[in-house]
């Protein structure tokens, strides 16, 4: 095996965000761009060097080419074994499962999550640590620091390998095991949920539709829903992963999964509908003529956890990201469980999960998960819902409304302003941050400000501090407005505004969400000067 050392120069824009490094495909195609970042992973991550490395991605454009480069660099850096998803495809939760199952040194996951794919669209890469979760800040900072000084990378002059045939192949002296990742993941789901009970639900005539959005979960959903659970063939639609996601935007919300939403609200609606995103870690859940918010979904899964064999009597705590509604807090209080409020980013849940402080966790951005892996898991959430539906034999709407009668309803919405000028977005947040000290006690319409701050998180496990995580404005009646800039896009900034109001009165639980929150929405717009600062008359996406 002959190792080649290629001279290179640093790139200035290789700082990974909370979800890894995301750029346009054409940036990753720049000579040495991907190679630099991958080499810096090997230069900085030395834990369990003799253990295998897991590699795979969501199948988007450039996935195959990137994997061939990664394999050659891995072999040149002394990696002895790689576990690779067949065709180079691994959903993000399935990759996390393989890392944990094989006690791997970590994983290199290729995805830009819910962002569009194609030659002119987005690509991404991230490193998951040996616990199976996204790299914590100390790891991403070490990789980034290395990119600022890199002057060479190691590779092999080896031909591309066949990514599609199961079995073993060598890249230099490195063994590459090409595995069926679907079966390992499906086996895990079968241990967590009552497949016999769900199978009986389908046999009773229960109908559902799962929209894989031409993304990575198609093969997983077909194997589990149609093959193992007996759902009719055709239950999974858009099930073939495509490099450009069929020209769609693989983000499971009411805007980008409109076809599914229209079907669930149409005259021939099935009992249940669900969708997942580009890399399989997000989910949208719908009943017949009924949308379940991700915040409510987390609360409902927690409240009904005893119905799933893998969670019956085995819940240690619950965690939610700060912008997520406080519905889960009410369930935790009733069950006598701790509930943690973390910054946005799944890595913050990882510490709590590893320490055994929580079992269930979720974010309002359609991400829900548990201690079975260290990533959010879209198909897992769908199966959890199916387990609840199979056990209770009620409709989605009946289950949710009964939950509201017990716990009250947290009216909740998120307004996204995508691709906003970064300077304008940062100035908006900086102005709110400066003004927050003067807001408590002020009367804004019919609401009185109780507190205003920039969320600061003290990790209860390692005592690390994460500051400036989002502007929170809380009102005396429990309502909230939260402003936060998101780093998931590749152009400009995404301003997310979260509005929440608690309603204990069952007689007021069937209001339209946007109408119920109308005054708070107006306050949020005027307080931040969104129209004046961004030039936007309306959000890009409302969920």
Protein backbone atom coordinates (compact mmCIF):
# COMPACT_ATOMS: atom_id res chain seq x y z
CA UNK A 1 0.00 0.00 0.00
CA UNK A 2 1.51 3.29 -1.12
CA UNK A 3 0.37 6.38 0.77
CA UNK A 4 0.37 9.67 -1.13
CA UNK A 5 0.75 12.95 0.74
CA UNK A 6 -0.93 15.79 -1.13
CA UNK A 7 0.06 19.39 -0.46
CA UNK A 8 -2.90 21.63 0.27
CA UNK A 9 -3.87 24.98 1.74
CA UNK A 10 -6.45 25.88 4.40
CA UNK A 11 -9.94 27.04 3.51
CA UNK A 12 -11.42 29.82 5.61
CA UNK A 13 -15.01 28.60 5.60
CA UNK A 14 -14.80 25.10 7.06
CA UNK A 15 -16.28 25.83 10.47
CA UNK A 16 -18.94 23.21 11.23
CA UNK A 17 -22.21 24.30 12.78
CA UNK A 18 -24.40 22.35 15.19
CA UNK A 19 -25.28 19.97 12.33
CA UNK A 20 -21.84 19.66 10.76
CA UNK A 21 -20.31 21.40 7.75
CA UNK A 22 -22.91 22.37 5.14
CA UNK A 23 -22.22 24.12 1.85
CA UNK A 24 -23.32 24.03 -1.74
CA UNK A 25 -22.18 20.98 -3.71
CA UNK A 26 -19.96 23.16 -5.87
CA UNK A 27 -18.03 24.23 -2.76
CA UNK A 28 -17.43 20.61 -1.78
CA UNK A 29 -16.31 19.91 -5.36
CA UNK A 30 -13.56 22.52 -4.99
CA UNK A 31 -10.22 20.67 -5.15
CA UNK A 32 -9.10 19.56 -1.67
CA UNK A 33 -12.12 21.06 0.12
CA UNK A 34 -13.67 17.78 1.28
CA UNK A 35 -10.25 16.17 1.63
CA UNK A 36 -9.05 18.91 4.00
CA UNK A 37 -12.00 18.47 6.33
CA UNK A 38 -11.79 14.67 6.38
CA UNK A 39 -8.04 14.74 7.04
CA UNK A 40 -8.65 17.08 9.97
CA UNK A 41 -11.03 14.52 11.46
CA UNK A 42 -8.25 11.93 11.43
CA UNK A 43 -5.68 14.44 12.68
CA UNK A 44 -7.75 15.29 15.76
CA UNK A 45 -9.85 12.22 16.64
CA UNK A 46 -7.75 9.44 18.11
CA UNK A 47 -10.22 7.70 20.42
CA UNK A 48 -10.44 3.92 19.85
CA UNK A 49 -8.07 3.97 16.83
CA UNK A 50 -8.32 0.19 16.29
CA UNK A 51 -12.12 0.20 16.22
CA UNK A 52 -14.09 0.35 12.95
CA UNK A 53 -15.33 3.59 11.39
CA UNK A 54 -18.94 3.84 10.16
CA UNK A 55 -19.49 5.71 6.88
CA UNK A 56 -22.67 6.53 4.97
CA UNK A 57 -25.00 9.28 3.89
CA UNK A 58 -28.48 10.21 2.76
CA UNK A 59 -27.87 9.45 -0.91
CA UNK A 60 -27.99 13.03 -2.11
CA UNK A 61 -25.91 14.24 -5.08
CA UNK A 62 -22.14 13.88 -4.48
CA UNK A 63 -22.66 11.19 -1.80
CA UNK A 64 -20.97 8.46 -3.84
CA UNK A 65 -18.02 10.56 -4.96
CA UNK A 66 -17.40 11.81 -1.42
CA UNK A 67 -17.45 8.27 0.00
CA UNK A 68 -14.77 7.09 -2.42
CA UNK A 69 -12.51 9.96 -1.32
CA UNK A 70 -13.21 9.31 2.36
CA UNK A 71 -12.34 5.62 2.03
CA UNK A 72 -8.97 6.37 0.43
CA UNK A 73 -8.14 8.98 3.08
CA UNK A 74 -9.24 6.65 5.90
CA UNK A 75 -7.02 3.84 4.59
CA UNK A 76 -4.07 6.18 4.18
CA UNK A 77 -4.46 7.32 7.78
CA UNK A 78 -4.22 3.80 9.17
CA UNK A 79 -7.91 2.97 9.58
CA UNK A 80 -8.18 -0.83 9.48
CA UNK A 81 -11.92 -1.32 8.96
CA UNK A 82 -14.90 0.68 7.68
CA UNK A 83 -18.56 -0.33 8.00
CA UNK A 84 -20.33 1.15 4.97
CA UNK A 85 -24.03 1.24 4.20
CA UNK A 86 -24.93 -0.50 0.94
CA UNK A 87 -24.89 1.98 -1.91
CA UNK A 88 -23.26 4.45 0.44
CA UNK A 89 -26.65 5.01 2.09
CA UNK A 90 -27.30 5.19 5.83
CA UNK A 91 -30.02 7.12 7.57
CA UNK A 92 -28.55 9.22 10.37
CA UNK A 93 -30.25 7.20 13.17
CA UNK A 94 -29.22 3.95 11.48
CA UNK A 95 -25.62 5.20 11.39
CA UNK A 96 -25.83 6.01 15.09
CA UNK A 97 -27.15 2.50 15.71
CA UNK A 98 -24.24 0.90 13.82
CA UNK A 99 -21.67 3.02 15.69
CA UNK A 100 -23.09 1.84 19.01
CA UNK A 101 -23.67 -1.74 17.89
CA UNK A 102 -20.08 -2.21 16.64
CA UNK A 103 -18.35 -0.11 19.34
CA UNK A 104 -16.97 1.99 16.51
CA UNK A 105 -14.47 4.83 16.80
CA UNK A 106 -17.20 7.06 15.38
CA UNK A 107 -18.83 7.75 12.08
CA UNK A 108 -18.60 10.10 9.11
CA UNK A 109 -22.13 10.95 8.00
CA UNK A 110 -22.78 12.72 4.72
CA UNK A 111 -25.97 14.75 4.77
CA UNK A 112 -27.43 18.22 4.67
CA UNK A 113 -30.47 16.85 6.50
CA UNK A 114 -33.69 18.45 5.22
CA UNK A 115 -32.00 20.81 2.73
CA UNK A 116 -32.58 20.31 -1.03
CA UNK A 117 -30.20 18.10 -3.02
CA UNK A 118 -28.76 18.17 -6.52
CA UNK A 119 -25.73 19.54 -8.41
CA UNK A 120 -26.66 23.13 -7.54
CA UNK A 121 -27.99 22.42 -4.06
CA UNK A 122 -26.59 21.43 -0.67
CA UNK A 123 -24.19 18.86 0.73
CA UNK A 124 -22.91 18.23 4.22
CA UNK A 125 -20.55 16.21 6.36
CA UNK A 126 -20.32 15.62 10.10
CA UNK A 127 -18.45 13.43 12.53
CA UNK A 128 -20.31 11.37 15.14
CA UNK A 129 -18.37 10.28 18.20
CA UNK A 130 -18.16 6.74 19.65
CA UNK A 131 -21.39 7.18 21.61
CA UNK A 132 -23.16 7.47 18.24
CA UNK A 133 -24.08 11.12 18.66
CA UNK A 134 -23.12 14.38 16.94
CA UNK A 135 -19.70 15.68 17.91
CA UNK A 136 -19.76 18.02 20.92
CA UNK A 137 -18.37 21.52 20.64
CA UNK A 138 -14.89 20.59 21.88
CA UNK A 139 -14.60 18.09 19.02
CA UNK A 140 -15.97 20.36 16.29
CA UNK A 141 -13.71 23.19 17.50
CA UNK A 142 -10.67 20.90 17.36
CA UNK A 143 -11.52 19.87 13.79
CA UNK A 144 -12.12 23.47 12.77
CA UNK A 145 -8.86 24.67 14.34
CA UNK A 146 -7.02 21.99 12.38
CA UNK A 147 -8.59 23.22 9.11
CA UNK A 148 -7.01 26.63 9.71
CA UNK A 149 -3.50 25.18 9.60
CA UNK A 150 -3.69 22.11 7.40
CA UNK A 151 -1.00 21.90 4.70
CA UNK A 152 -1.30 18.26 3.57
CA UNK A 153 -3.60 15.27 3.48
CA UNK A 154 -2.95 11.55 3.01
CA UNK A 155 -4.65 9.38 0.44
CA UNK A 156 -4.14 6.30 -1.70
CA UNK A 157 -3.89 5.95 -5.45
CA UNK A 158 -6.59 3.29 -5.57
CA UNK A 159 -9.55 2.81 -7.94
CA UNK A 160 -13.12 3.34 -6.81
CA UNK A 161 -14.82 0.34 -5.23
CA UNK A 162 -18.27 -1.13 -5.93
CA UNK A 163 -20.52 0.40 -3.26
CA UNK A 164 -23.58 -1.66 -4.09
CA UNK A 165 -22.55 -5.28 -3.53
CA UNK A 166 -22.83 -6.63 0.02
CA UNK A 167 -19.67 -8.16 1.40
CA UNK A 168 -16.05 -7.27 2.02
CA UNK A 169 -13.60 -5.41 -0.18
CA UNK A 170 -10.16 -3.92 0.42
CA UNK A 171 -9.03 -0.33 -0.04
CA UNK A 172 -5.31 -0.69 0.35
CA UNK A 173 -4.99 -2.75 3.54
CA UNK A 174 -8.28 -1.45 4.96
CA UNK A 175 -11.25 -3.80 5.07
CA UNK A 176 -14.56 -2.29 3.95
CA UNK A 177 -17.66 -4.18 5.10
CA UNK A 178 -20.62 -3.20 2.93
CA UNK A 179 -23.65 -4.00 5.06
CA UNK A 180 -27.42 -3.98 4.88
CA UNK A 181 -28.11 -1.21 7.37
CA UNK A 182 -31.88 -1.58 7.03
CA UNK A 183 -32.09 -4.97 8.75
CA UNK A 184 -30.02 -3.91 11.77
CA UNK A 185 -32.20 -0.86 12.29
CA UNK A 186 -35.43 -2.80 11.78
CA UNK A 187 -34.32 -5.39 14.33
CA UNK A 188 -33.77 -2.60 16.86
CA UNK A 189 -37.27 -1.21 16.25
CA UNK A 190 -38.76 -4.68 16.72
CA UNK A 191 -37.19 -4.86 20.17
CA UNK A 192 -38.66 -1.50 21.21
CA UNK A 193 -42.23 -1.75 19.90
CA UNK A 194 -45.00 -4.34 19.90
CA UNK A 195 -44.91 -5.43 16.27
CA UNK A 196 -47.60 -8.06 16.83
CA UNK A 197 -50.01 -5.43 18.12
CA UNK A 198 -49.21 -3.03 15.26
CA UNK A 199 -49.58 -5.87 12.75
CA UNK A 200 -53.05 -6.58 14.15
CA UNK A 201 -53.89 -2.89 13.73
CA UNK A 202 -53.16 -3.07 10.00
CA UNK A 203 -55.07 -6.34 9.71
CA UNK A 204 -58.13 -4.57 11.17
CA UNK A 205 -58.27 -2.27 8.13
CA UNK A 206 -56.26 0.61 9.54
CA UNK A 207 -54.86 2.75 6.71
CA UNK A 208 -51.81 4.99 6.67
CA UNK A 209 -49.50 6.72 4.23
CA UNK A 210 -45.80 7.27 4.80
CA UNK A 211 -44.12 9.83 2.52
CA UNK A 212 -40.38 9.14 2.33
CA UNK A 213 -39.95 12.25 0.12
CA UNK A 214 -37.54 10.34 -2.17
CA UNK A 215 -35.07 10.46 0.71
CA UNK A 216 -33.19 7.94 2.79
CA UNK A 217 -36.03 6.43 4.85
CA UNK A 218 -37.78 4.83 1.87
CA UNK A 219 -36.02 1.43 2.14
CA UNK A 220 -36.33 1.43 5.94
CA UNK A 221 -40.04 2.26 5.87
CA UNK A 222 -40.82 -0.36 3.22
CA UNK A 223 -39.00 -3.09 5.13
CA UNK A 224 -40.63 -2.26 8.45
CA UNK A 225 -44.12 -1.05 7.51
CA UNK A 226 -44.88 -3.18 4.48
CA UNK A 227 -42.70 -6.27 4.94
CA UNK A 228 -42.58 -6.77 8.71
CA UNK A 229 -45.82 -5.12 9.84
CA UNK A 230 -47.98 -6.10 6.90
CA UNK A 231 -49.15 -2.68 5.78
CA UNK A 232 -50.47 -2.84 2.21
CA UNK A 233 -47.96 -2.40 -0.59
CA UNK A 234 -48.09 1.25 -1.57
CA UNK A 235 -48.37 2.49 2.02
CA UNK A 236 -44.90 3.98 1.52
CA UNK A 237 -44.86 6.58 -1.25
CA UNK A 238 -41.89 8.36 -2.83
CA UNK A 239 -39.86 5.51 -1.37
CA UNK A 240 -36.89 5.41 -3.77
CA UNK A 241 -33.99 7.63 -2.59
CA UNK A 242 -32.96 10.02 -5.37
CA UNK A 243 -29.90 12.26 -5.58
CA UNK A 244 -32.10 15.34 -5.95
CA UNK A 245 -35.01 14.04 -3.82
CA UNK A 246 -37.15 14.08 -6.94
CA UNK A 247 -36.73 17.85 -7.19
CA UNK A 248 -38.50 18.31 -3.86
CA UNK A 249 -37.48 19.82 -0.56
CA UNK A 250 -37.17 16.87 1.87
CA UNK A 251 -38.39 18.74 4.94
CA UNK A 252 -41.45 17.07 6.54
CA UNK A 253 -43.69 20.02 7.32
CA UNK A 254 -47.01 21.32 6.08
CA UNK A 255 -45.37 23.38 3.33
CA UNK A 256 -42.87 20.95 1.80
CA UNK A 257 -44.94 17.80 2.46
CA UNK A 258 -48.08 19.50 1.16
CA UNK A 259 -49.16 16.55 -0.96
CA UNK A 260 -49.29 14.32 2.11
CA UNK A 261 -51.03 17.00 4.18
CA UNK A 262 -53.64 17.57 1.47
CA UNK A 263 -54.33 13.83 1.35
CA UNK A 264 -54.76 13.59 5.14
CA UNK A 265 -57.16 16.53 5.06
CA UNK A 266 -58.99 15.28 1.97
CA UNK A 267 -62.21 13.28 1.50
CA UNK A 268 -60.48 9.88 1.28
CA UNK A 269 -58.04 10.50 4.12
CA UNK A 270 -56.48 7.44 5.78
CA UNK A 271 -56.29 7.02 9.55
CA UNK A 272 -52.67 8.13 9.87
CA UNK A 273 -50.00 9.92 7.89
CA UNK A 274 -46.31 10.53 8.41
CA UNK A 275 -43.23 11.77 6.62
CA UNK A 276 -39.51 11.90 7.23
CA UNK A 277 -36.71 14.09 5.91
CA UNK A 278 -33.55 13.83 3.84
CA UNK A 279 -31.44 11.84 6.30
CA UNK A 280 -34.27 10.23 8.26
CA UNK A 281 -33.99 11.99 11.59
CA UNK A 282 -37.12 14.16 11.47
CA UNK A 283 -40.80 13.32 11.38
CA UNK A 284 -44.21 14.82 10.73
CA UNK A 285 -47.28 13.09 12.15
CA UNK A 286 -50.87 13.59 11.03
CA UNK A 287 -54.20 12.01 11.78
CA UNK A 288 -57.29 12.18 9.59
CA UNK A 289 -57.92 15.93 9.23
CA UNK A 290 -55.53 16.54 12.13
CA UNK A 291 -51.95 17.85 12.42
CA UNK A 292 -49.85 16.99 15.49
CA UNK A 293 -47.26 19.62 16.40
CA UNK A 294 -43.80 18.20 17.18
CA UNK A 295 -44.01 19.71 20.67
CA UNK A 296 -47.31 17.95 21.36
CA UNK A 297 -45.91 14.76 19.84
CA UNK A 298 -43.06 14.64 22.37
CA UNK A 299 -45.50 15.22 25.24
CA UNK A 300 -47.87 12.53 23.97
CA UNK A 301 -45.12 9.95 23.51
CA UNK A 302 -43.98 10.60 27.08
CA UNK A 303 -47.51 10.38 28.47
CA UNK A 304 -48.14 7.07 26.67
CA UNK A 305 -44.66 5.55 26.96
CA UNK A 306 -45.92 2.63 29.06
CA UNK A 307 -47.73 1.28 25.99
CA UNK A 308 -44.44 0.51 24.19
CA UNK A 309 -42.52 -2.52 25.50
CA UNK A 310 -39.15 -0.79 25.25
CA UNK A 311 -40.26 2.07 27.50
CA UNK A 312 -42.77 0.54 29.92
CA UNK A 313 -41.63 1.58 33.41
CA UNK A 314 -38.28 2.66 32.02
CA UNK A 315 -38.43 6.46 31.72
CA UNK A 316 -35.77 8.29 33.73
CA UNK A 317 -36.50 11.81 32.49
CA UNK A 318 -37.50 14.04 29.57
CA UNK A 319 -35.64 16.83 27.78
CA UNK A 320 -36.70 19.41 25.22
CA UNK A 321 -34.88 22.15 23.38
CA UNK A 322 -35.53 25.64 24.70
CA UNK A 323 -37.73 26.79 21.75
CA UNK A 324 -39.91 23.66 22.02
CA UNK A 325 -43.24 24.24 23.74
CA UNK A 326 -43.61 23.50 27.43
CA UNK A 327 -46.18 20.73 26.84
CA UNK A 328 -43.64 18.03 27.79
CA UNK A 329 -42.90 19.85 31.06
CA UNK A 330 -46.49 19.30 32.15
CA UNK A 331 -46.27 15.56 31.45
CA UNK A 332 -42.98 15.29 33.33
CA UNK A 333 -44.46 17.09 36.34
CA UNK A 334 -47.48 14.77 36.44
CA UNK A 335 -45.27 11.67 36.14
CA UNK A 336 -42.81 12.97 38.73
CA UNK A 337 -39.93 13.00 36.24
CA UNK A 338 -37.15 15.56 35.75
CA UNK A 339 -37.49 17.73 32.64
CA UNK A 340 -34.48 19.50 31.15
CA UNK A 341 -34.47 22.57 28.88
CA UNK A 342 -31.46 22.54 26.56
CA UNK A 343 -30.17 24.66 23.68
CA UNK A 344 -31.13 23.62 20.17
CA UNK A 345 -28.86 20.87 18.88
CA UNK A 346 -29.06 17.13 19.49
CA UNK A 347 -25.57 16.98 20.97
CA UNK A 348 -26.93 18.63 24.14
CA UNK A 349 -29.25 15.67 24.66
CA UNK A 350 -26.30 13.30 24.28
CA UNK A 351 -24.76 14.16 27.63
CA UNK A 352 -28.09 13.69 29.40
CA UNK A 353 -28.72 10.38 27.63
CA UNK A 354 -25.24 9.02 28.32
CA UNK A 355 -25.60 9.97 31.99
CA UNK A 356 -28.95 8.18 32.23
CA UNK A 357 -30.75 11.38 33.22
CA UNK A 358 -33.31 11.17 30.40
CA UNK A 359 -34.96 8.56 28.19
CA UNK A 360 -37.06 10.70 25.81
CA UNK A 361 -36.15 13.99 24.17
CA UNK A 362 -37.28 16.23 21.35
CA UNK A 363 -37.08 19.47 19.44
CA UNK A 364 -39.86 21.53 17.91
CA UNK A 365 -38.16 21.23 14.51
CA UNK A 366 -39.80 17.83 13.93
CA UNK A 367 -37.11 15.88 15.78
CA UNK A 368 -37.89 13.29 18.47
CA UNK A 369 -35.78 10.53 19.98
CA UNK A 370 -34.78 8.39 22.91
CA UNK A 371 -31.86 6.55 24.43
CA UNK A 372 -31.97 3.81 21.74
CA UNK A 373 -29.54 5.86 19.60
CA UNK A 374 -27.89 9.26 19.97
CA UNK A 375 -29.68 11.02 17.12
CA UNK A 376 -33.26 12.08 16.58
CA UNK A 377 -35.11 9.38 14.71
CA UNK A 378 -38.03 10.02 12.37
CA UNK A 379 -39.19 6.47 11.68
CA UNK A 380 -38.84 5.55 15.38
CA UNK A 381 -41.31 8.33 16.25
CA UNK A 382 -43.77 7.06 13.62
CA UNK A 383 -43.56 3.52 15.01
CA UNK A 384 -44.06 4.83 18.55
CA UNK A 385 -47.25 6.52 17.36
CA UNK A 386 -48.39 3.31 15.66
CA UNK A 387 -47.78 1.42 18.89
CA UNK A 388 -49.96 3.93 20.78
CA UNK A 389 -52.69 3.79 18.14
CA UNK A 390 -52.62 -0.02 18.16
CA UNK A 391 -52.90 -0.15 21.93
CA UNK A 392 -55.55 2.53 22.40
CA UNK A 393 -57.62 1.95 19.25
CA UNK A 394 -58.60 5.62 19.11
CA UNK A 395 -58.01 8.12 16.34
CA UNK A 396 -55.09 10.52 16.45
CA UNK A 397 -57.47 13.43 17.06
CA UNK A 398 -59.18 11.62 19.94
CA UNK A 399 -55.86 10.82 21.60
CA UNK A 400 -54.56 14.37 21.28
CA UNK A 401 -57.78 16.01 22.48
CA UNK A 402 -57.93 13.70 25.49
CA UNK A 403 -54.33 14.69 26.26
CA UNK A 404 -55.31 18.37 26.13
CA UNK A 405 -58.21 17.78 28.51
CA UNK A 406 -55.79 16.29 31.04
CA UNK A 407 -52.81 18.62 30.63
CA UNK A 408 -54.18 21.71 28.89
CA UNK A 409 -53.19 22.86 25.43
CA UNK A 410 -50.02 24.72 24.56
CA UNK A 411 -50.93 26.67 21.43
CA UNK A 412 -47.69 26.88 19.52
CA UNK A 413 -46.34 28.05 16.18
CA UNK A 414 -43.00 28.71 14.50
CA UNK A 415 -42.49 31.38 11.85
CA UNK A 416 -39.39 30.92 9.67
CA UNK A 417 -37.86 33.72 7.64
CA UNK A 418 -35.39 31.90 5.38
CA UNK A 419 -32.36 33.30 3.55
CA UNK A 420 -32.53 36.64 5.36
CA UNK A 421 -29.59 38.99 4.92
CA UNK A 422 -27.15 37.87 7.64
CA UNK A 423 -26.23 41.39 8.70
CA UNK A 424 -29.86 42.41 9.10
CA UNK A 425 -30.69 39.21 11.02
CA UNK A 426 -27.78 39.65 13.41
CA UNK A 427 -28.63 43.29 14.00
CA UNK A 428 -32.22 42.31 14.82
CA UNK A 429 -31.09 39.79 17.43
CA UNK A 430 -28.42 42.13 18.85
CA UNK A 431 -31.03 44.88 19.29
CA UNK A 432 -33.38 42.49 21.10
CA UNK A 433 -30.52 41.30 23.30
CA UNK A 434 -29.67 44.86 24.29
CA UNK A 435 -33.31 45.73 24.99
CA UNK A 436 -34.12 42.60 27.00
CA UNK A 437 -33.09 44.12 30.34
CA UNK A 438 -35.70 46.86 29.99
CA UNK A 439 -38.64 44.61 29.05
CA UNK A 440 -39.67 42.97 32.36
CA UNK A 441 -42.77 44.68 33.75
CA UNK A 442 -43.73 46.28 30.43
CA UNK A 443 -47.28 45.90 29.17
CA UNK A 444 -47.35 44.72 25.54
CA UNK A 445 -50.97 44.70 24.44
CA UNK A 446 -52.85 42.49 26.90
CA UNK A 447 -49.64 40.71 27.98
CA UNK A 448 -47.27 41.70 30.80
CA UNK A 449 -43.59 40.79 30.38
CA UNK A 450 -42.36 38.61 33.23
CA UNK A 451 -38.77 38.03 32.06
CA UNK A 452 -36.54 38.57 29.03
CA UNK A 453 -33.11 37.07 28.51
CA UNK A 454 -30.68 35.42 26.12
CA UNK A 455 -30.87 31.74 27.06
CA UNK A 456 -27.79 30.42 28.85
CA UNK A 457 -27.40 26.69 29.49
CA UNK A 458 -25.36 25.10 32.25
CA UNK A 459 -24.91 21.43 31.38
CA UNK A 460 -25.82 19.37 34.48
CA UNK A 461 -23.42 16.60 33.44
CA UNK A 462 -20.13 18.31 32.58
CA UNK A 463 -20.85 21.86 33.84
CA UNK A 464 -20.11 23.34 30.40
CA UNK A 465 -21.81 26.63 29.58
CA UNK A 466 -23.54 27.52 26.31
CA UNK A 467 -24.52 31.19 26.10
CA UNK A 468 -26.49 33.30 23.60
CA UNK A 469 -28.82 30.45 22.63
CA UNK A 470 -31.89 32.53 21.80
CA UNK A 471 -33.83 35.54 23.03
CA UNK A 472 -36.67 34.49 25.37
CA UNK A 473 -39.52 36.82 26.32
CA UNK A 474 -41.83 35.29 28.90
CA UNK A 475 -45.17 36.71 29.99
CA UNK A 476 -46.86 36.43 33.36
CA UNK A 477 -49.56 34.08 32.04
CA UNK A 478 -46.93 31.57 30.83
CA UNK A 479 -46.95 32.66 27.21
CA UNK A 480 -43.60 33.00 25.42
CA UNK A 481 -41.94 34.49 22.39
CA UNK A 482 -38.52 33.18 21.34
CA UNK A 483 -36.22 34.53 18.62
CA UNK A 484 -33.35 32.48 17.30
CA UNK A 485 -31.04 32.40 14.29
CA UNK A 486 -30.64 28.95 12.78
CA UNK A 487 -27.50 27.61 11.15
CA UNK A 488 -29.10 24.83 9.08
CA UNK A 489 -29.21 26.76 5.79
CA UNK A 490 -26.38 27.50 3.37
CA UNK A 491 -27.50 30.95 2.21
CA UNK A 492 -27.95 33.96 4.47
CA UNK A 493 -29.58 33.42 7.84
CA UNK A 494 -32.82 31.79 8.92
CA UNK A 495 -34.69 33.76 11.57
CA UNK A 496 -37.01 31.55 13.59
CA UNK A 497 -39.71 33.09 15.78
CA UNK A 498 -41.54 30.81 18.21
CA UNK A 499 -44.84 31.84 19.82
CA UNK A 500 -46.56 29.90 22.59
CA UNK A 501 -49.63 30.37 24.81
CA UNK A 502 -51.04 27.95 27.38
CA UNK A 503 -54.80 27.34 27.43
CA UNK A 504 -56.19 25.22 30.31
CA UNK A 505 -59.87 25.59 29.32
CA UNK A 506 -61.07 22.60 27.22
CA UNK A 507 -63.80 24.82 25.73
CA UNK A 508 -61.04 26.82 24.01
CA UNK A 509 -58.94 23.92 22.69
CA UNK A 510 -60.28 23.88 19.13
CA UNK A 511 -59.34 27.36 18.04
CA UNK A 512 -57.25 27.92 14.92
CA UNK A 513 -53.65 28.17 16.12
CA UNK A 514 -52.74 31.30 14.18
CA UNK A 515 -55.92 33.02 15.37
CA UNK A 516 -55.38 31.94 18.97
CA UNK A 517 -51.87 33.42 18.84
CA UNK A 518 -52.70 36.44 16.67
CA UNK A 519 -51.97 39.09 19.28
CA UNK A 520 -48.69 37.46 20.34
CA UNK A 521 -47.66 37.11 16.69
CA UNK A 522 -48.27 40.82 16.16
CA UNK A 523 -46.30 41.65 19.33
CA UNK A 524 -43.41 39.46 18.14
CA UNK A 525 -43.29 41.22 14.75
CA UNK A 526 -43.50 44.74 16.17
CA UNK A 527 -41.08 44.15 19.04
CA UNK A 528 -38.33 42.89 16.73
CA UNK A 529 -39.17 45.14 13.76
CA UNK A 530 -39.10 42.10 11.50
CA UNK A 531 -40.71 43.75 8.48
CA UNK A 532 -38.55 46.86 8.74
CA UNK A 533 -35.28 45.01 9.29
CA UNK A 534 -35.72 42.07 6.90
CA UNK A 535 -38.02 43.51 4.25
CA UNK A 536 -40.26 40.46 4.64
CA UNK A 537 -44.02 40.89 4.79
CA UNK A 538 -44.62 37.29 5.84
CA UNK A 539 -42.71 34.20 6.97
CA UNK A 540 -41.34 31.75 4.42
CA UNK A 541 -42.75 28.81 6.38
CA UNK A 542 -45.33 28.66 9.18
CA UNK A 543 -45.58 25.51 11.27
